[in-house]
Amino acid sequence: MWLNPALYSSSAPSIEADTAALPEASRTAEALADLAAGLARSWIWSALSYQDIKLRYRGSLLGPFWVTLTNLILVVAMGGIYGALFHIETEIYVPFLMCGLSIWQFISTMATEGCATFTAAADVIQQVPLPFSIQAYRTVYRNLIVLAHNAVIIPFGLVIFDVPVSWHLLEIVPAMLVLCLNGLWISLLLGTISTRFRDIPPIVANFVQVVFFVTPIFWPLAAAGSWASFLALNPVFAAIDVLRSPLLGGPPEPTSWPILLACTVIGSVGSLSVFIRFRERIAYWI
């Protein structure tokens, strides 16, 4: 059900009230149909994602590879210093840091850009009758493209530092799928809430900064001492660990997969509930 034309009608408030009074089953069916229709239109959100990348780096010589170069410089600069601080050999710490930073940037950017899922596409939403979920798929796919650029240095780093390859490497496939699913519900949830409350994006940005320092990204979990078992329950660490550990040739922490899957289920259900309840109001809030 598309209600954007009501934006230009003086009866819009009453229409909003009518949509709020729709039966729960009807709203649920429309929201699920929206998600399915958005997924089926992959050619739209993939094209929009490529356009976003091109516009973001328009006029740049290296384009998205500027981020890759920045990460490389950061890893080289921090590798020797922080490896010595944590008493870890450089050939072990540098791959650890390299993988952790790339995955963290994907997760953190999904959270911060997820807040602008709908507000950044206000013109499209108000003028073109497309499923709202297209914008969420667009956000996830755009960040996957950036992650692909950032991850270019990882294979070279693993080879240079002779990181062992084990069967755990196969875990990165389901891990990426689960992270993308989490990115989808994060985009839907934060995107919907942020259309109504515009102070959500700065709150999320500040929260992300705090999470960075309390999550074992550039420091190993064992360095936390007695706090290690508690910090292992951090969902962000779990999301990083299920990708980083297989890349480094080892298994994730025993708690990582259960925590990540639990957050995926809880987050998906909560996000879907919010999307079902307020989907028809997004166009008005924008």
Protein backbone atom coordinates (compact mmCIF):
# COMPACT_ATOMS: atom_id res chain seq x y z
CA MET A 1 0.00 0.00 0.00
CA TRP A 2 1.56 3.27 -1.13
CA LEU A 3 0.54 6.46 0.62
CA ASN A 4 3.10 8.99 -0.55
CA PRO A 5 0.59 10.97 -2.66
CA ALA A 6 -1.12 11.92 0.57
CA LEU A 7 1.88 14.07 1.36
CA TYR A 8 0.44 16.62 -1.00
CA SER A 9 -3.07 16.46 0.40
CA SER A 10 -4.52 18.46 3.26
CA SER A 11 -6.11 15.26 4.54
CA ALA A 12 -2.73 13.64 5.27
CA PRO A 13 -3.10 13.69 9.09
CA SER A 14 -6.40 11.82 8.94
CA ILE A 15 -4.93 9.30 6.52
CA GLU A 16 -2.06 8.73 8.94
CA ALA A 17 -4.57 8.09 11.67
CA ASP A 18 -6.41 5.64 9.42
CA THR A 19 -3.24 3.69 8.68
CA ALA A 20 -2.45 3.51 12.38
CA ALA A 21 -5.86 1.90 12.84
CA LEU A 22 -5.27 -0.82 10.25
CA PRO A 23 -5.61 -4.39 11.57
CA GLU A 24 -2.35 -5.84 12.86
CA ALA A 25 -2.53 -8.69 10.34
CA SER A 26 -2.86 -6.23 7.47
CA ARG A 27 0.11 -4.15 8.63
CA THR A 28 2.19 -7.30 9.10
CA ALA A 29 1.35 -8.60 5.64
CA GLU A 30 2.21 -5.25 4.05
CA ALA A 31 5.53 -5.00 5.91
CA LEU A 32 6.54 -8.53 4.93
CA ALA A 33 5.47 -7.85 1.33
CA ASP A 34 7.59 -4.70 1.43
CA LEU A 35 10.67 -6.68 2.54
CA ALA A 36 10.11 -9.35 -0.12
CA ALA A 37 9.50 -6.80 -2.87
CA GLY A 38 12.59 -4.85 -1.87
CA LEU A 39 14.76 -7.98 -1.93
CA ALA A 40 13.39 -8.92 -5.35
CA ARG A 41 14.43 -5.53 -6.75
CA SER A 42 18.14 -6.14 -6.19
CA TRP A 43 19.00 -4.33 -9.41
CA ILE A 44 17.66 -1.10 -7.92
CA TRP A 45 19.42 -1.12 -4.56
CA SER A 46 22.65 -2.43 -6.04
CA ALA A 47 22.65 0.36 -8.66
CA LEU A 48 21.85 2.95 -5.99
CA SER A 49 24.70 1.63 -3.83
CA TYR A 50 27.20 1.95 -6.67
CA GLN A 51 25.93 5.45 -7.32
CA ASP A 52 26.41 6.36 -3.65
CA ILE A 53 30.02 5.18 -3.79
CA LYS A 54 30.70 7.09 -7.00
CA LEU A 55 29.21 10.31 -5.65
CA ARG A 56 31.03 9.98 -2.33
CA TYR A 57 34.43 9.73 -4.03
CA ARG A 58 33.70 11.88 -7.07
CA GLY A 59 36.85 13.67 -8.21
CA SER A 60 39.07 11.44 -6.05
CA LEU A 61 42.07 9.79 -7.68
CA LEU A 62 41.96 6.57 -5.65
CA GLY A 63 38.25 6.55 -4.85
CA PRO A 64 37.28 4.07 -2.12
CA PHE A 65 40.87 2.87 -1.98
CA TRP A 66 41.68 5.99 0.06
CA VAL A 67 40.03 4.17 2.97
CA THR A 68 42.16 1.10 2.20
CA LEU A 69 45.32 3.20 2.17
CA THR A 70 44.33 4.88 5.44
CA ASN A 71 43.80 1.50 7.10
CA LEU A 72 47.15 0.26 5.82
CA ILE A 73 48.97 3.29 7.26
CA LEU A 74 47.10 2.90 10.56
CA VAL A 75 47.96 -0.79 10.85
CA VAL A 76 51.64 -0.15 10.09
CA ALA A 77 51.81 2.74 12.57
CA MET A 78 50.01 0.90 15.37
CA GLY A 79 51.40 -2.57 14.69
CA GLY A 80 54.81 -2.19 16.24
CA ILE A 81 53.86 0.18 19.06
CA TYR A 82 50.76 -1.58 20.39
CA GLY A 83 52.29 -4.99 19.82
CA ALA A 84 55.09 -4.00 22.20
CA LEU A 85 52.61 -2.53 24.70
CA PHE A 86 50.61 -5.76 24.82
CA HIS A 87 53.76 -7.93 24.63
CA ILE A 88 52.60 -9.59 21.41
CA GLU A 89 54.90 -10.45 18.53
CA THR A 90 54.45 -8.22 15.50
CA GLU A 91 53.67 -11.10 13.12
CA ILE A 92 50.77 -12.05 15.38
CA TYR A 93 49.50 -8.62 16.34
CA VAL A 94 49.46 -6.97 12.90
CA PRO A 95 47.08 -9.53 11.28
CA PHE A 96 44.94 -9.37 14.43
CA LEU A 97 44.70 -5.57 14.20
CA MET A 98 44.25 -5.54 10.42
CA CYS A 99 41.28 -7.92 10.46
CA GLY A 100 39.70 -6.35 13.54
CA LEU A 101 39.77 -2.80 12.17
CA SER A 102 38.24 -3.77 8.82
CA ILE A 103 35.38 -5.68 10.43
CA TRP A 104 34.80 -2.96 13.03
CA GLN A 105 34.54 -0.28 10.36
CA PHE A 106 31.87 -2.31 8.59
CA ILE A 107 29.85 -2.79 11.78
CA SER A 108 30.20 0.77 13.07
CA THR A 109 29.41 2.35 9.70
CA MET A 110 26.32 0.16 9.42
CA ALA A 111 25.11 1.62 12.72
CA THR A 112 25.87 5.27 11.94
CA GLU A 113 24.67 5.20 8.33
CA GLY A 114 21.69 3.08 9.31
CA CYS A 115 20.25 6.12 11.07
CA ALA A 116 20.04 7.89 7.70
CA THR A 117 18.54 4.94 5.85
CA PHE A 118 15.30 6.81 5.05
CA THR A 119 16.17 10.47 5.68
CA ALA A 120 19.04 10.35 3.17
CA ALA A 121 16.62 9.05 0.53
CA ALA A 122 13.79 11.47 1.34
CA ASP A 123 13.43 12.73 -2.23
CA VAL A 124 13.14 9.22 -3.65
CA ILE A 125 10.70 8.06 -0.98
CA GLN A 126 8.41 11.05 -1.44
CA GLN A 127 8.31 10.89 -5.23
CA VAL A 128 8.76 7.26 -6.35
CA PRO A 129 6.48 4.40 -5.20
CA LEU A 130 9.15 1.93 -4.16
CA PRO A 131 9.28 -0.47 -1.18
CA PHE A 132 10.81 1.23 1.85
CA SER A 133 13.05 -1.78 2.45
CA ILE A 134 15.01 -0.98 -0.71
CA GLN A 135 16.76 1.76 1.24
CA ALA A 136 17.81 -0.71 3.95
CA TYR A 137 19.18 -3.18 1.40
CA ARG A 138 20.93 -0.24 -0.24
CA THR A 139 22.66 0.71 3.03
CA VAL A 140 23.87 -2.84 3.68
CA TYR A 141 25.11 -3.39 0.14
CA ARG A 142 26.90 -0.04 0.04
CA ASN A 143 28.84 -0.94 3.16
CA LEU A 144 29.63 -4.36 1.75
CA ILE A 145 31.27 -2.64 -1.20
CA VAL A 146 33.36 -0.50 1.13
CA LEU A 147 34.28 -3.58 3.18
CA ALA A 148 35.44 -5.31 0.01
CA HIS A 149 37.81 -2.40 -0.65
CA ASN A 150 39.09 -2.41 2.92
CA ALA A 151 39.60 -6.18 2.90
CA VAL A 152 41.96 -6.02 -0.07
CA ILE A 153 44.94 -5.74 2.28
CA ILE A 154 43.90 -8.73 4.42
CA PRO A 155 44.98 -11.60 2.08
CA PHE A 156 48.36 -9.95 1.51
CA GLY A 157 48.84 -9.42 5.24
CA LEU A 158 47.94 -13.03 6.03
CA VAL A 159 50.45 -14.28 3.44
CA ILE A 160 53.22 -11.90 4.49
CA PHE A 161 52.92 -12.84 8.16
CA ASP A 162 52.47 -16.54 7.36
CA VAL A 163 49.11 -16.91 9.10
CA PRO A 164 48.02 -20.57 9.04
CA VAL A 165 44.96 -21.55 7.04
CA SER A 166 42.51 -24.00 8.62
CA TRP A 167 39.04 -25.33 7.93
CA HIS A 168 37.71 -22.55 10.20
CA LEU A 169 38.14 -20.24 7.22
CA LEU A 170 34.88 -21.67 5.86
CA GLU A 171 33.06 -20.02 8.77
CA ILE A 172 33.47 -16.59 7.23
CA VAL A 173 30.67 -17.35 4.73
CA PRO A 174 27.88 -17.89 7.30
CA ALA A 175 29.44 -15.17 9.46
CA MET A 176 29.13 -12.61 6.67
CA LEU A 177 25.54 -13.66 5.98
CA VAL A 178 24.62 -13.22 9.65
CA LEU A 179 26.37 -9.83 9.82
CA CYS A 180 24.47 -8.67 6.73
CA LEU A 181 21.20 -9.79 8.31
CA ASN A 182 22.11 -7.80 11.40
CA GLY A 183 22.94 -4.82 9.23
CA LEU A 184 19.50 -5.08 7.66
CA TRP A 185 17.57 -5.01 10.92
CA ILE A 186 19.81 -2.26 12.29
CA SER A 187 19.12 -0.13 9.20
CA LEU A 188 15.37 -0.71 9.43
CA LEU A 189 15.21 -0.06 13.17
CA LEU A 190 17.49 2.97 13.43
CA GLY A 191 16.29 4.33 10.09
CA THR A 192 12.64 4.23 11.18
CA ILE A 193 13.27 5.71 14.63
CA SER A 194 15.57 8.41 13.24
CA THR A 195 12.88 9.68 10.87
CA ARG A 196 10.78 10.55 13.91
CA PHE A 197 13.51 11.58 16.37
CA ARG A 198 16.34 13.44 14.65
CA ASP A 199 18.59 13.39 17.72
CA ILE A 200 19.07 9.62 17.38
CA PRO A 201 22.00 9.83 14.87
CA PRO A 202 24.33 11.86 17.14
CA ILE A 203 23.41 9.62 20.08
CA VAL A 204 24.30 6.53 18.06
CA ALA A 205 27.56 8.13 16.83
CA ASN A 206 28.65 8.87 20.40
CA PHE A 207 27.64 5.39 21.54
CA VAL A 208 29.70 3.83 18.73
CA GLN A 209 32.79 5.71 19.92
CA VAL A 210 32.35 4.34 23.43
CA VAL A 211 31.86 0.80 22.13
CA PHE A 212 35.11 1.05 20.16
CA PHE A 213 37.19 1.50 23.32
CA VAL A 214 35.49 -1.22 25.37
CA THR A 215 35.58 -3.83 22.59
CA PRO A 216 38.69 -5.98 21.95
CA ILE A 217 39.48 -4.55 18.53
CA PHE A 218 43.05 -3.24 18.79
CA TRP A 219 43.74 -5.07 22.05
CA PRO A 220 43.36 -8.83 22.67
CA LEU A 221 40.67 -10.20 24.95
CA ALA A 222 43.29 -11.84 27.18
CA ALA A 223 44.72 -8.40 27.99
CA ALA A 224 41.57 -7.65 30.02
CA GLY A 225 42.58 -10.17 32.67
CA SER A 226 39.71 -11.00 35.01
CA TRP A 227 37.37 -8.91 32.84
CA ALA A 228 37.94 -11.13 29.80
CA SER A 229 35.01 -13.48 30.46
CA PHE A 230 32.69 -10.50 30.93
CA LEU A 231 33.90 -8.62 27.84
CA ALA A 232 33.47 -11.78 25.75
CA LEU A 233 29.71 -11.28 26.18
CA ASN A 234 29.89 -8.03 24.18
CA PRO A 235 27.73 -8.58 21.02
CA VAL A 236 30.06 -6.36 18.98
CA PHE A 237 33.05 -8.47 19.99
CA ALA A 238 31.06 -11.58 19.03
CA ALA A 239 30.34 -10.10 15.59
CA ILE A 240 34.03 -9.33 15.07
CA ASP A 241 35.26 -12.60 16.53
CA VAL A 242 33.23 -14.90 14.24
CA LEU A 243 35.03 -13.32 11.27
CA ARG A 244 38.44 -12.44 12.67
CA SER A 245 39.27 -15.73 14.36
CA PRO A 246 38.65 -17.89 11.25
CA LEU A 247 40.75 -15.49 9.19
CA LEU A 248 43.57 -15.92 11.70
CA GLY A 249 43.28 -19.69 11.51
CA GLY A 250 41.53 -20.40 14.80
CA PRO A 251 38.02 -20.95 16.18
CA PRO A 252 35.93 -18.10 17.64
CA GLU A 253 35.33 -17.86 21.36
CA PRO A 254 32.75 -20.44 22.53
CA THR A 255 30.29 -17.67 23.38
CA SER A 256 30.60 -15.70 20.14
CA TRP A 257 28.22 -17.62 17.87
CA PRO A 258 25.46 -18.11 20.49
CA ILE A 259 25.56 -14.41 21.41
CA LEU A 260 25.57 -13.25 17.79
CA LEU A 261 22.71 -15.55 16.79
CA ALA A 262 20.67 -14.51 19.85
CA CYS A 263 21.18 -10.82 18.99
CA THR A 264 20.23 -11.55 15.37
CA VAL A 265 16.94 -13.18 16.35
CA ILE A 266 16.03 -10.63 19.03
CA GLY A 267 17.07 -7.67 16.89
CA SER A 268 15.25 -8.95 13.81
CA VAL A 269 12.02 -9.53 15.73
CA GLY A 270 12.21 -6.14 17.44
CA SER A 271 13.09 -4.30 14.24
CA LEU A 272 10.32 -6.04 12.30
CA SER A 273 7.82 -5.11 15.01
CA VAL A 274 8.79 -1.44 14.77
CA PHE A 275 8.73 -1.55 10.96
CA ILE A 276 5.28 -3.16 10.96
CA ARG A 277 3.91 -0.58 13.38
CA PHE A 278 5.36 2.57 11.83
CA ARG A 279 6.13 1.72 8.18
CA GLU A 280 3.27 3.79 6.79
CA ARG A 281 4.38 6.85 8.78
CA ILE A 282 7.92 7.00 7.44
CA ALA A 283 6.97 9.14 4.44
CA TYR A 284 5.15 11.64 6.67
CA TRP A 285 7.94 11.87 9.25
CA ILE A 286 10.47 12.56 6.53
